[in-house]
Amino acid sequence: MAQPCGYTLLHLGEADRVGYIDVLPSGHFFEGDNELTDHGQRFEYMQAAALPLDDTQDFIRHLADELEKS
C-alpha cells in the first residue's frame, strides 16, 4: 500500500532553495538546481494528472463501494 508523504520547497532567500520529501523512515532533503528542477517537474505533473476535488470524492466513493462488494 502506498504511504502518504508531503512535499515542501523552501525558499531561503532569493537564490537559496531546498526541498524536502516527508517519507518514511526519516524524510529526504534535496538541493541543487538539477534535483530541485526534477522534483518540481514531478510535482507539477502530479498536480496536472490529479482529478478535480469532486471527481476525486466520487472516485473514492466508487472504490469503497467496490471493496464492500468483494
N, C-alpha and C. Protein backbone atom coordinates (compact mmCIF):
# COMPACT_ATOMS: atom_id res chain seq x y z
N MET A 1 0.84 -1.17 0.00
CA MET A 1 0.00 0.00 0.00
C MET A 1 0.88 1.24 0.00
N ALA A 2 0.50 2.25 -0.72
CA ALA A 2 1.27 3.49 -0.79
C ALA A 2 1.23 4.23 0.54
N GLN A 3 2.34 4.82 0.88
CA GLN A 3 2.44 5.60 2.11
C GLN A 3 2.23 7.07 1.78
N PRO A 4 1.50 7.79 2.62
CA PRO A 4 1.33 9.22 2.38
C PRO A 4 2.66 9.93 2.58
N CYS A 5 2.85 11.01 1.87
CA CYS A 5 4.06 11.79 2.04
C CYS A 5 3.75 13.24 1.73
N GLY A 6 4.62 14.12 2.18
CA GLY A 6 4.48 15.54 1.91
C GLY A 6 5.66 16.04 1.10
N TYR A 7 5.46 17.13 0.42
CA TYR A 7 6.50 17.73 -0.41
C TYR A 7 6.56 19.21 -0.05
N THR A 8 7.75 19.69 0.25
CA THR A 8 7.93 21.09 0.61
C THR A 8 9.11 21.66 -0.15
N LEU A 9 8.93 22.83 -0.71
CA LEU A 9 10.02 23.55 -1.35
C LEU A 9 10.21 24.84 -0.56
N LEU A 10 11.37 24.99 0.05
CA LEU A 10 11.67 26.15 0.89
C LEU A 10 12.53 27.14 0.12
N HIS A 11 12.13 28.39 0.14
CA HIS A 11 12.92 29.47 -0.45
C HIS A 11 13.61 30.19 0.70
N LEU A 12 14.93 30.11 0.74
CA LEU A 12 15.71 30.68 1.84
C LEU A 12 16.48 31.91 1.37
N GLY A 13 15.79 32.80 0.74
CA GLY A 13 16.42 33.96 0.15
C GLY A 13 16.18 33.94 -1.35
N GLU A 14 16.74 34.89 -2.05
CA GLU A 14 16.48 34.99 -3.49
C GLU A 14 17.02 33.80 -4.28
N ALA A 15 18.19 33.29 -3.92
CA ALA A 15 18.81 32.24 -4.71
C ALA A 15 18.86 30.89 -4.00
N ASP A 16 18.67 30.87 -2.70
CA ASP A 16 18.81 29.63 -1.95
C ASP A 16 17.47 28.92 -1.81
N ARG A 17 17.45 27.66 -2.25
CA ARG A 17 16.25 26.84 -2.13
C ARG A 17 16.66 25.44 -1.69
N VAL A 18 15.77 24.78 -1.00
CA VAL A 18 15.98 23.39 -0.61
C VAL A 18 14.61 22.71 -0.63
N GLY A 19 14.61 21.44 -0.97
CA GLY A 19 13.36 20.68 -1.00
C GLY A 19 13.38 19.60 0.06
N TYR A 20 12.19 19.19 0.46
CA TYR A 20 12.06 18.13 1.46
C TYR A 20 10.87 17.26 1.09
N ILE A 21 11.09 15.96 1.11
CA ILE A 21 10.00 15.00 0.91
C ILE A 21 9.86 14.22 2.21
N ASP A 22 8.67 14.27 2.78
CA ASP A 22 8.39 13.63 4.06
C ASP A 22 7.97 12.19 3.81
N VAL A 23 8.95 11.30 3.78
CA VAL A 23 8.70 9.87 3.56
C VAL A 23 9.34 9.08 4.70
N LEU A 24 8.81 7.90 4.94
CA LEU A 24 9.35 7.04 5.99
C LEU A 24 10.71 6.50 5.59
N PRO A 25 11.64 6.28 6.45
CA PRO A 25 11.52 6.47 7.89
C PRO A 25 11.93 7.85 8.37
N SER A 26 12.69 8.63 7.57
CA SER A 26 13.20 9.89 8.12
C SER A 26 13.16 11.07 7.15
N GLY A 27 12.51 10.95 6.05
CA GLY A 27 12.43 12.06 5.10
C GLY A 27 13.68 12.18 4.26
N HIS A 28 13.61 13.07 3.28
CA HIS A 28 14.72 13.24 2.35
C HIS A 28 14.82 14.72 1.96
N PHE A 29 15.97 15.33 2.23
CA PHE A 29 16.25 16.69 1.77
C PHE A 29 16.96 16.62 0.43
N PHE A 30 16.72 17.60 -0.42
CA PHE A 30 17.44 17.68 -1.67
C PHE A 30 17.71 19.14 -2.01
N GLU A 31 18.78 19.36 -2.72
CA GLU A 31 19.15 20.72 -3.12
C GLU A 31 19.92 20.63 -4.42
N GLY A 32 20.27 21.74 -4.96
CA GLY A 32 20.96 21.76 -6.24
C GLY A 32 19.94 21.96 -7.35
N ASP A 33 20.33 22.72 -8.34
CA ASP A 33 19.40 23.08 -9.40
C ASP A 33 18.79 21.88 -10.10
N ASN A 34 19.60 20.85 -10.41
CA ASN A 34 19.06 19.69 -11.13
C ASN A 34 18.03 18.94 -10.32
N GLU A 35 18.34 18.67 -9.04
CA GLU A 35 17.39 17.95 -8.20
C GLU A 35 16.12 18.76 -7.97
N LEU A 36 16.26 20.06 -7.72
CA LEU A 36 15.09 20.90 -7.50
C LEU A 36 14.21 20.95 -8.75
N THR A 37 14.83 21.06 -9.90
CA THR A 37 14.08 21.09 -11.16
C THR A 37 13.37 19.76 -11.38
N ASP A 38 14.07 18.64 -11.17
CA ASP A 38 13.46 17.32 -11.36
C ASP A 38 12.26 17.12 -10.44
N HIS A 39 12.43 17.42 -9.16
CA HIS A 39 11.33 17.24 -8.21
C HIS A 39 10.19 18.21 -8.49
N GLY A 40 10.52 19.43 -8.89
CA GLY A 40 9.49 20.41 -9.24
C GLY A 40 8.66 19.95 -10.43
N GLN A 41 9.30 19.40 -11.44
CA GLN A 41 8.59 18.90 -12.61
C GLN A 41 7.69 17.71 -12.25
N ARG A 42 8.18 16.82 -11.39
CA ARG A 42 7.37 15.68 -10.96
C ARG A 42 6.14 16.16 -10.20
N PHE A 43 6.32 17.15 -9.32
CA PHE A 43 5.20 17.68 -8.56
C PHE A 43 4.17 18.32 -9.48
N GLU A 44 4.63 19.10 -10.45
CA GLU A 44 3.73 19.74 -11.41
C GLU A 44 2.98 18.69 -12.22
N TYR A 45 3.64 17.60 -12.60
CA TYR A 45 3.00 16.52 -13.34
C TYR A 45 1.89 15.88 -12.50
N MET A 46 2.19 15.63 -11.22
CA MET A 46 1.18 15.02 -10.34
C MET A 46 -0.03 15.95 -10.18
N GLN A 47 0.23 17.25 -10.05
CA GLN A 47 -0.87 18.20 -9.94
C GLN A 47 -1.71 18.19 -11.21
N ALA A 48 -1.07 18.16 -12.36
CA ALA A 48 -1.79 18.18 -13.62
C ALA A 48 -2.59 16.89 -13.83
N ALA A 49 -2.07 15.77 -13.32
CA ALA A 49 -2.73 14.48 -13.52
C ALA A 49 -3.83 14.22 -12.50
N ALA A 50 -3.87 14.99 -11.43
CA ALA A 50 -4.85 14.76 -10.36
C ALA A 50 -6.25 15.09 -10.83
N LEU A 51 -7.20 14.34 -10.31
CA LEU A 51 -8.60 14.61 -10.59
C LEU A 51 -9.05 15.87 -9.85
N PRO A 52 -10.06 16.56 -10.38
CA PRO A 52 -10.65 17.66 -9.62
C PRO A 52 -11.25 17.11 -8.31
N LEU A 53 -11.43 17.97 -7.32
CA LEU A 53 -11.87 17.55 -5.99
C LEU A 53 -13.17 16.73 -6.04
N ASP A 54 -14.19 17.22 -6.73
CA ASP A 54 -15.47 16.48 -6.79
C ASP A 54 -15.29 15.10 -7.43
N ASP A 55 -14.50 15.04 -8.49
CA ASP A 55 -14.25 13.76 -9.15
C ASP A 55 -13.46 12.82 -8.25
N THR A 56 -12.53 13.36 -7.47
CA THR A 56 -11.75 12.54 -6.54
C THR A 56 -12.67 11.93 -5.49
N GLN A 57 -13.58 12.73 -4.94
CA GLN A 57 -14.52 12.22 -3.95
C GLN A 57 -15.39 11.11 -4.55
N ASP A 58 -15.89 11.32 -5.76
CA ASP A 58 -16.70 10.30 -6.43
C ASP A 58 -15.89 9.03 -6.67
N PHE A 59 -14.64 9.18 -7.09
CA PHE A 59 -13.78 8.03 -7.36
C PHE A 59 -13.53 7.23 -6.08
N ILE A 60 -13.26 7.91 -4.97
CA ILE A 60 -13.02 7.22 -3.71
C ILE A 60 -14.29 6.52 -3.23
N ARG A 61 -15.43 7.16 -3.38
CA ARG A 61 -16.70 6.51 -3.02
C ARG A 61 -16.92 5.25 -3.85
N HIS A 62 -16.64 5.35 -5.13
CA HIS A 62 -16.80 4.19 -6.03
C HIS A 62 -15.88 3.06 -5.59
N LEU A 63 -14.62 3.37 -5.27
CA LEU A 63 -13.69 2.34 -4.82
C LEU A 63 -14.16 1.70 -3.51
N ALA A 64 -14.64 2.52 -2.59
CA ALA A 64 -15.15 1.99 -1.31
C ALA A 64 -16.34 1.07 -1.55
N ASP A 65 -17.23 1.46 -2.43
CA ASP A 65 -18.38 0.60 -2.75
C ASP A 65 -17.93 -0.72 -3.34
N GLU A 66 -16.97 -0.67 -4.24
CA GLU A 66 -16.45 -1.89 -4.86
C GLU A 66 -15.78 -2.80 -3.83
N LEU A 67 -15.05 -2.21 -2.90
CA LEU A 67 -14.40 -3.01 -1.86
C LEU A 67 -15.43 -3.67 -0.93
N GLU A 68 -16.52 -2.97 -0.64
CA GLU A 68 -17.57 -3.56 0.22
C GLU A 68 -18.23 -4.73 -0.49
N LYS A 69 -18.35 -4.69 -1.80
CA LYS A 69 -18.99 -5.76 -2.56
C LYS A 69 -18.11 -7.02 -2.60
N SER A 70 -16.80 -6.84 -2.54
CA SER A 70 -15.91 -8.01 -2.69
C SER A 70 -15.60 -8.67 -1.36
